[in-house]
PDB file of all heavy atoms in Angstrom:
ATOM      1  N   PHE A   1       7.635  -1.028  15.255  1.00  0.00           N
ATOM      2  CA  PHE A   1       8.528  -1.999  15.886  1.00  0.00           C
ATOM      3  C   PHE A   1       9.780  -1.292  16.379  1.00  0.00           C
ATOM      4  O   PHE A   1      10.249  -0.329  15.771  1.00  0.00           O
ATOM      5  CB  PHE A   1       8.946  -3.077  14.900  1.00  0.00           C
ATOM      6  CG  PHE A   1       7.871  -4.025  14.471  1.00  0.00           C
ATOM      7  CD1 PHE A   1       6.528  -3.813  14.769  1.00  0.00           C
ATOM      8  CD2 PHE A   1       8.196  -5.171  13.755  1.00  0.00           C
ATOM      9  CE1 PHE A   1       5.544  -4.683  14.378  1.00  0.00           C
ATOM     10  CE2 PHE A   1       7.225  -6.065  13.348  1.00  0.00           C
ATOM     11  CZ  PHE A   1       5.893  -5.811  13.656  1.00  0.00           C
ATOM     12  N   THR A   2      10.338  -1.807  17.465  1.00  0.00           N
ATOM     13  CA  THR A   2      11.583  -1.283  18.006  1.00  0.00           C
ATOM     14  C   THR A   2      12.506  -2.441  18.348  1.00  0.00           C
ATOM     15  O   THR A   2      12.113  -3.351  19.091  1.00  0.00           O
ATOM     16  CB  THR A   2      11.335  -0.448  19.269  1.00  0.00           C
ATOM     17  OG1 THR A   2      10.428   0.622  18.977  1.00  0.00           O
ATOM     18  CG2 THR A   2      12.646   0.149  19.781  1.00  0.00           C
ATOM     19  N   ILE A   3      13.713  -2.386  17.785  1.00  0.00           N
ATOM     20  CA  ILE A   3      14.715  -3.406  18.090  1.00  0.00           C
ATOM     21  C   ILE A   3      15.720  -2.837  19.077  1.00  0.00           C
ATOM     22  O   ILE A   3      16.180  -1.703  18.935  1.00  0.00           O
ATOM     23  CB  ILE A   3      15.412  -3.910  16.800  1.00  0.00           C
ATOM     24  CG1 ILE A   3      16.297  -5.123  17.111  1.00  0.00           C
ATOM     25  CG2 ILE A   3      16.196  -2.805  16.113  1.00  0.00           C
ATOM     26  CD1 ILE A   3      16.823  -5.825  15.854  1.00  0.00           C
ATOM     27  N   THR A   4      16.041  -3.617  20.098  1.00  0.00           N
ATOM     28  CA  THR A   4      17.051  -3.236  21.077  1.00  0.00           C
ATOM     29  C   THR A   4      17.879  -4.459  21.406  1.00  0.00           C
ATOM     30  O   THR A   4      17.504  -5.584  21.075  1.00  0.00           O
ATOM     31  CB  THR A   4      16.414  -2.692  22.366  1.00  0.00           C
ATOM     32  OG1 THR A   4      15.516  -3.675  22.911  1.00  0.00           O
ATOM     33  CG2 THR A   4      15.654  -1.399  22.130  1.00  0.00           C
ATOM     34  N   ARG A   5      19.010  -4.224  22.061  1.00  0.00           N
ATOM     35  CA  ARG A   5      19.846  -5.346  22.466  1.00  0.00           C
ATOM     36  C   ARG A   5      20.500  -5.047  23.801  1.00  0.00           C
ATOM     37  O   ARG A   5      20.685  -3.888  24.187  1.00  0.00           O
ATOM     38  CB  ARG A   5      20.914  -5.661  21.418  1.00  0.00           C
ATOM     39  CG  ARG A   5      21.934  -4.556  21.232  1.00  0.00           C
ATOM     40  CD  ARG A   5      22.947  -4.931  20.169  1.00  0.00           C
ATOM     41  NE  ARG A   5      23.870  -5.971  20.620  1.00  0.00           N
ATOM     42  CZ  ARG A   5      24.790  -6.543  19.841  1.00  0.00           C
ATOM     43  NH1 ARG A   5      24.866  -6.190  18.560  1.00  0.00           N
ATOM     44  NH2 ARG A   5      25.606  -7.462  20.311  1.00  0.00           N
ATOM     45  N   ASP A   6      20.854  -6.107  24.466  1.00  0.00           N
ATOM     46  CA  ASP A   6      21.549  -6.018  25.738  1.00  0.00           C
ATOM     47  C   ASP A   6      22.624  -7.093  25.691  1.00  0.00           C
ATOM     48  O   ASP A   6      22.339  -8.266  25.929  1.00  0.00           O
ATOM     49  CB  ASP A   6      20.585  -6.265  26.891  1.00  0.00           C
ATOM     50  CG  ASP A   6      21.276  -6.226  28.249  1.00  0.00           C
ATOM     51  OD1 ASP A   6      22.475  -5.896  28.295  1.00  0.00           O
ATOM     52  OD2 ASP A   6      20.615  -6.535  29.242  1.00  0.00           O
ATOM     53  N   SER A   7      23.847  -6.675  25.340  1.00  0.00           N
ATOM     54  CA  SER A   7      24.966  -7.613  25.207  1.00  0.00           C
ATOM     55  C   SER A   7      24.628  -8.662  24.151  1.00  0.00           C
ATOM     56  O   SER A   7      24.674  -8.368  22.964  1.00  0.00           O
ATOM     57  CB  SER A   7      25.275  -8.230  26.563  1.00  0.00           C
ATOM     58  OG  SER A   7      26.405  -9.083  26.470  1.00  0.00           O
ATOM     59  N   ALA A   8      24.265  -9.863  24.586  1.00  0.00           N
ATOM     60  CA  ALA A   8      24.026 -10.938  23.631  1.00  0.00           C
ATOM     61  C   ALA A   8      22.558 -11.319  23.541  1.00  0.00           C
ATOM     62  O   ALA A   8      22.232 -12.433  23.126  1.00  0.00           O
ATOM     63  CB  ALA A   8      24.856 -12.163  24.007  1.00  0.00           C
ATOM     64  N   THR A   9      21.684 -10.439  23.925  1.00  0.00           N
ATOM     65  CA  THR A   9      20.243 -10.664  23.798  1.00  0.00           C
ATOM     66  C   THR A   9      19.640  -9.543  22.964  1.00  0.00           C
ATOM     67  O   THR A   9      19.951  -8.374  23.174  1.00  0.00           O
ATOM     68  CB  THR A   9      19.567 -10.701  25.181  1.00  0.00           C
ATOM     69  OG1 THR A   9      20.144 -11.749  25.968  1.00  0.00           O
ATOM     70  CG2 THR A   9      18.076 -10.958  25.040  1.00  0.00           C
ATOM     71  N   VAL A  10      18.794  -9.928  22.027  1.00  0.00           N
ATOM     72  CA  VAL A  10      18.135  -8.942  21.187  1.00  0.00           C
ATOM     73  C   VAL A  10      16.627  -9.047  21.394  1.00  0.00           C
ATOM     74  O   VAL A  10      16.086 -10.142  21.597  1.00  0.00           O
ATOM     75  CB  VAL A  10      18.505  -9.130  19.700  1.00  0.00           C
ATOM     76  CG1 VAL A  10      18.045 -10.477  19.165  1.00  0.00           C
ATOM     77  CG2 VAL A  10      17.961  -7.989  18.850  1.00  0.00           C
ATOM     78  N   TYR A  11      15.971  -7.901  21.370  1.00  0.00           N
ATOM     79  CA  TYR A  11      14.542  -7.817  21.600  1.00  0.00           C
ATOM     80  C   TYR A  11      13.865  -7.154  20.404  1.00  0.00           C
ATOM     81  O   TYR A  11      14.470  -6.331  19.714  1.00  0.00           O
ATOM     82  CB  TYR A  11      14.246  -6.994  22.855  1.00  0.00           C
ATOM     83  CG  TYR A  11      14.965  -7.456  24.088  1.00  0.00           C
ATOM     84  CD1 TYR A  11      16.188  -6.896  24.448  1.00  0.00           C
ATOM     85  CD2 TYR A  11      14.432  -8.457  24.901  1.00  0.00           C
ATOM     86  CE1 TYR A  11      16.868  -7.315  25.581  1.00  0.00           C
ATOM     87  CE2 TYR A  11      15.107  -8.880  26.035  1.00  0.00           C
ATOM     88  CZ  TYR A  11      16.312  -8.313  26.376  1.00  0.00           C
ATOM     89  OH  TYR A  11      16.980  -8.740  27.500  1.00  0.00           O
ATOM     90  N   LEU A  12      12.615  -7.495  20.198  1.00  0.00           N
ATOM     91  CA  LEU A  12      11.813  -6.824  19.188  1.00  0.00           C
ATOM     92  C   LEU A  12      10.469  -6.505  19.825  1.00  0.00           C
ATOM     93  O   LEU A  12       9.663  -7.407  20.072  1.00  0.00           O
ATOM     94  CB  LEU A  12      11.626  -7.689  17.940  1.00  0.00           C
ATOM     95  CG  LEU A  12      10.924  -6.996  16.785  1.00  0.00           C
ATOM     96  CD1 LEU A  12      11.816  -5.883  16.208  1.00  0.00           C
ATOM     97  CD2 LEU A  12      10.566  -7.998  15.685  1.00  0.00           C
ATOM     98  N   GLN A  13      10.258  -5.232  20.097  1.00  0.00           N
ATOM     99  CA  GLN A  13       8.981  -4.775  20.611  1.00  0.00           C
ATOM    100  C   GLN A  13       8.096  -4.445  19.426  1.00  0.00           C
ATOM    101  O   GLN A  13       8.451  -3.602  18.598  1.00  0.00           O
ATOM    102  CB  GLN A  13       9.157  -3.538  21.501  1.00  0.00           C
ATOM    103  CG  GLN A  13       7.864  -2.970  22.024  1.00  0.00           C
ATOM    104  CD  GLN A  13       7.154  -3.897  22.997  1.00  0.00           C
ATOM    105  OE1 GLN A  13       7.790  -4.503  23.859  1.00  0.00           O
ATOM    106  NE2 GLN A  13       5.849  -4.015  22.862  1.00  0.00           N
ATOM    107  N   MET A  14       6.964  -5.123  19.343  1.00  0.00           N
ATOM    108  CA  MET A  14       6.066  -4.959  18.205  1.00  0.00           C
ATOM    109  C   MET A  14       4.746  -4.386  18.695  1.00  0.00           C
ATOM    110  O   MET A  14       4.034  -5.029  19.478  1.00  0.00           O
ATOM    111  CB  MET A  14       5.835  -6.315  17.523  1.00  0.00           C
ATOM    112  CG  MET A  14       7.125  -6.991  17.083  1.00  0.00           C
ATOM    113  SD  MET A  14       6.850  -8.530  16.171  1.00  0.00           S
ATOM    114  CE  MET A  14       6.145  -9.554  17.460  1.00  0.00           C
ATOM    115  N   ASN A  15       4.451  -3.178  18.245  1.00  0.00           N
ATOM    116  CA  ASN A  15       3.210  -2.501  18.612  1.00  0.00           C
ATOM    117  C   ASN A  15       2.338  -2.294  17.385  1.00  0.00           C
ATOM    118  O   ASN A  15       2.809  -2.406  16.254  1.00  0.00           O
ATOM    119  CB  ASN A  15       3.514  -1.147  19.257  1.00  0.00           C
ATOM    120  CG  ASN A  15       4.321  -1.260  20.533  1.00  0.00           C
ATOM    121  OD1 ASN A  15       4.196  -2.240  21.281  1.00  0.00           O
ATOM    122  ND2 ASN A  15       5.166  -0.278  20.797  1.00  0.00           N
ATOM    123  N   SER A  16       1.085  -2.001  17.621  1.00  0.00           N
ATOM    124  CA  SER A  16       0.136  -1.748  16.526  1.00  0.00           C
ATOM    125  C   SER A  16       0.215  -2.847  15.474  1.00  0.00           C
ATOM    126  O   SER A  16       0.300  -2.574  14.271  1.00  0.00           O
ATOM    127  CB  SER A  16       0.424  -0.384  15.886  1.00  0.00           C
ATOM    128  OG  SER A  16       0.334   0.646  16.843  1.00  0.00           O
ATOM    129  N   LEU A  17       0.178  -4.063  15.925  1.00  0.00           N
ATOM    130  CA  LEU A  17       0.333  -5.199  15.016  1.00  0.00           C
ATOM    131  C   LEU A  17      -0.814  -5.275  14.024  1.00  0.00           C
ATOM    132  O   LEU A  17      -1.961  -4.953  14.341  1.00  0.00           O
ATOM    133  CB  LEU A  17       0.450  -6.494  15.811  1.00  0.00           C
ATOM    134  CG  LEU A  17       1.830  -6.718  16.447  1.00  0.00           C
ATOM    135  CD1 LEU A  17       1.763  -7.739  17.574  1.00  0.00           C
ATOM    136  CD2 LEU A  17       2.830  -7.168  15.384  1.00  0.00           C
ATOM    137  N   LYS A  18      -0.460  -5.723  12.816  1.00  0.00           N
ATOM    138  CA  LYS A  18      -1.420  -5.868  11.736  1.00  0.00           C
ATOM    139  C   LYS A  18      -1.447  -7.330  11.295  1.00  0.00           C
ATOM    140  O   LYS A  18      -0.487  -8.079  11.537  1.00  0.00           O
ATOM    141  CB  LYS A  18      -1.010  -4.987  10.550  1.00  0.00           C
ATOM    142  CG  LYS A  18      -0.822  -3.515  10.885  1.00  0.00           C
ATOM    143  CD  LYS A  18      -0.301  -2.754   9.669  1.00  0.00           C
ATOM    144  CE  LYS A  18      -0.082  -1.288   9.982  1.00  0.00           C
ATOM    145  NZ  LYS A  18       0.426  -0.542   8.804  1.00  0.00           N
ATOM    146  N   SER A  19      -2.505  -7.695  10.602  1.00  0.00           N
ATOM    147  CA  SER A  19      -2.608  -9.084  10.136  1.00  0.00           C
ATOM    148  C   SER A  19      -1.443  -9.448   9.227  1.00  0.00           C
ATOM    149  O   SER A  19      -0.986 -10.595   9.220  1.00  0.00           O
ATOM    150  CB  SER A  19      -3.943  -9.312   9.427  1.00  0.00           C
ATOM    151  OG  SER A  19      -4.094  -8.406   8.351  1.00  0.00           O
ATOM    152  N   GLU A  20      -0.946  -8.474   8.489  1.00  0.00           N
ATOM    153  CA  GLU A  20       0.177  -8.749   7.582  1.00  0.00           C
ATOM    154  C   GLU A  20       1.495  -8.957   8.307  1.00  0.00           C
ATOM    155  O   GLU A  20       2.505  -9.296   7.689  1.00  0.00           O
ATOM    156  CB  GLU A  20       0.325  -7.644   6.531  1.00  0.00           C
ATOM    157  CG  GLU A  20       0.369  -6.247   7.094  1.00  0.00           C
ATOM    158  CD  GLU A  20      -0.981  -5.551   7.005  1.00  0.00           C
ATOM    159  OE1 GLU A  20      -2.009  -6.202   7.359  1.00  0.00           O
ATOM    160  OE2 GLU A  20      -1.009  -4.381   6.608  1.00  0.00           O
ATOM    161  N   ASP A  21       1.524  -8.759   9.606  1.00  0.00           N
ATOM    162  CA  ASP A  21       2.712  -9.073  10.386  1.00  0.00           C
ATOM    163  C   ASP A  21       2.768 -10.555  10.760  1.00  0.00           C
ATOM    164  O   ASP A  21       3.777 -11.013  11.330  1.00  0.00           O
ATOM    165  CB  ASP A  21       2.749  -8.235  11.670  1.00  0.00           C
ATOM    166  CG  ASP A  21       2.890  -6.751  11.408  1.00  0.00           C
ATOM    167  OD1 ASP A  21       3.685  -6.385  10.524  1.00  0.00           O
ATOM    168  OD2 ASP A  21       2.196  -5.967  12.080  1.00  0.00           O
ATOM    169  N   THR A  22       1.722 -11.286  10.463  1.00  0.00           N
ATOM    170  CA  THR A  22       1.705 -12.714  10.760  1.00  0.00           C
ATOM    171  C   THR A  22       2.812 -13.428  10.001  1.00  0.00           C
ATOM    172  O   THR A  22       2.912 -13.312   8.775  1.00  0.00           O
ATOM    173  CB  THR A  22       0.346 -13.319  10.383  1.00  0.00           C
ATOM    174  OG1 THR A  22      -0.664 -12.759  11.224  1.00  0.00           O
ATOM    175  CG2 THR A  22       0.357 -14.834  10.543  1.00  0.00           C
ATOM    176  N   ALA A  23       3.659 -14.129  10.726  1.00  0.00           N
ATOM    177  CA  ALA A  23       4.803 -14.804  10.127  1.00  0.00           C
ATOM    178  C   ALA A  23       5.547 -15.580  11.213  1.00  0.00           C
ATOM    179  O   ALA A  23       5.263 -15.431  12.405  1.00  0.00           O
ATOM    180  CB  ALA A  23       5.758 -13.796   9.494  1.00  0.00           C
ATOM    181  N   VAL A  24       6.510 -16.373  10.765  1.00  0.00           N
ATOM    182  CA  VAL A  24       7.485 -16.938  11.684  1.00  0.00           C
ATOM    183  C   VAL A  24       8.644 -15.951  11.749  1.00  0.00           C
ATOM    184  O   VAL A  24       9.187 -15.558  10.714  1.00  0.00           O
ATOM    185  CB  VAL A  24       7.972 -18.319  11.226  1.00  0.00           C
ATOM    186  CG1 VAL A  24       9.050 -18.846  12.186  1.00  0.00           C
ATOM    187  CG2 VAL A  24       6.806 -19.297  11.140  1.00  0.00           C
ATOM    188  N   TYR A  25       9.003 -15.561  12.956  1.00  0.00           N
ATOM    189  CA  TYR A  25      10.070 -14.594  13.164  1.00  0.00           C
ATOM    190  C   TYR A  25      11.334 -15.320  13.592  1.00  0.00           C
ATOM    191  O   TYR A  25      11.310 -16.154  14.509  1.00  0.00           O
ATOM    192  CB  TYR A  25       9.657 -13.571  14.217  1.00  0.00           C
ATOM    193  CG  TYR A  25       8.679 -12.551  13.692  1.00  0.00           C
ATOM    194  CD1 TYR A  25       7.366 -12.916  13.367  1.00  0.00           C
ATOM    195  CD2 TYR A  25       9.052 -11.232  13.462  1.00  0.00           C
ATOM    196  CE1 TYR A  25       6.467 -12.004  12.850  1.00  0.00           C
ATOM    197  CE2 TYR A  25       8.158 -10.298  12.957  1.00  0.00           C
ATOM    198  CZ  TYR A  25       6.871 -10.692  12.649  1.00  0.00           C
ATOM    199  OH  TYR A  25       5.981  -9.776  12.135  1.00  0.00           O
ATOM    200  N   TYR A  26      12.442 -14.975  12.927  1.00  0.00           N
ATOM    201  CA  TYR A  26      13.722 -15.618  13.172  1.00  0.00           C
ATOM    202  C   TYR A  26      14.751 -14.609  13.676  1.00  0.00           C
ATOM    203  O   TYR A  26      14.891 -13.520  13.110  1.00  0.00           O
ATOM    204  CB  TYR A  26      14.271 -16.251  11.900  1.00  0.00           C
ATOM    205  CG  TYR A  26      13.432 -17.366  11.335  1.00  0.00           C
ATOM    206  CD1 TYR A  26      12.423 -17.105  10.418  1.00  0.00           C
ATOM    207  CD2 TYR A  26      13.642 -18.686  11.734  1.00  0.00           C
ATOM    208  CE1 TYR A  26      11.650 -18.130   9.893  1.00  0.00           C
ATOM    209  CE2 TYR A  26      12.871 -19.712  11.214  1.00  0.00           C
ATOM    210  CZ  TYR A  26      11.886 -19.424  10.301  1.00  0.00           C
ATOM    211  OH  TYR A  26      11.129 -20.450   9.786  1.00  0.00           O
ATOM    212  N   CYS A  27      15.444 -15.009  14.684  1.00  0.00           N
ATOM    213  CA  CYS A  27      16.576 -14.238  15.184  1.00  0.00           C
ATOM    214  C   CYS A  27      17.811 -14.590  14.345  1.00  0.00           C
ATOM    215  O   CYS A  27      17.998 -15.756  13.942  1.00  0.00           O
ATOM    216  CB  CYS A  27      16.806 -14.614  16.643  1.00  0.00           C
ATOM    217  SG  CYS A  27      18.243 -13.873  17.409  1.00  0.00           S
ATOM    218  N   TYR A  28      18.653 -13.600  14.091  1.00  0.00           N
ATOM    219  CA  TYR A  28      19.855 -13.797  13.268  1.00  0.00           C
ATOM    220  C   TYR A  28      20.973 -12.964  13.885  1.00  0.00           C
ATOM    221  O   TYR A  28      20.781 -11.783  14.187  1.00  0.00           O
ATOM    222  CB  TYR A  28      19.573 -13.338  11.840  1.00  0.00           C
ATOM    223  CG  TYR A  28      20.771 -13.261  10.949  1.00  0.00           C
ATOM    224  CD1 TYR A  28      21.270 -14.389  10.329  1.00  0.00           C
ATOM    225  CD2 TYR A  28      21.394 -12.034  10.709  1.00  0.00           C
ATOM    226  CE1 TYR A  28      22.367 -14.315   9.481  1.00  0.00           C
ATOM    227  CE2 TYR A  28      22.495 -11.955   9.874  1.00  0.00           C
ATOM    228  CZ  TYR A  28      22.977 -13.096   9.260  1.00  0.00           C
ATOM    229  OH  TYR A  28      24.064 -13.025   8.435  1.00  0.00           O
ATOM    230  N   VAL A  29      22.132 -13.590  14.083  1.00  0.00           N
ATOM    231  CA  VAL A  29      23.268 -12.846  14.632  1.00  0.00           C
ATOM    232  C   VAL A  29      24.526 -13.186  13.852  1.00  0.00           C
ATOM    233  O   VAL A  29      24.646 -14.263  13.246  1.00  0.00           O
ATOM    234  CB  VAL A  29      23.497 -13.158  16.135  1.00  0.00           C
ATOM    235  CG1 VAL A  29      22.236 -12.887  16.933  1.00  0.00           C
ATOM    236  CG2 VAL A  29      23.965 -14.582  16.338  1.00  0.00           C
ATOM    237  N   THR A  30      25.450 -12.255  13.868  1.00  0.00           N
ATOM    238  CA  THR A  30      26.733 -12.471  13.210  1.00  0.00           C
ATOM    239  C   THR A  30      27.859 -12.163  14.189  1.00  0.00           C
ATOM    240  O   THR A  30      27.715 -11.351  15.106  1.00  0.00           O
ATOM    241  CB  THR A  30      26.911 -11.590  11.979  1.00  0.00           C
ATOM    242  OG1 THR A  30      27.011 -10.219  12.398  1.00  0.00           O
ATOM    243  CG2 THR A  30      25.769 -11.740  11.004  1.00  0.00           C
TER     244      THR A  30
END
C-alpha cells in the first residue's frame, strides 16, 4: 500500500490485495 496526499485530499493505492485486506476503510484527518 502507498499513502499520498495532495493538499486536503488523501489517497491510498492498494496493490497485491489479499483476502485479509477485506474491511471497511475509513479516512481520518486532524
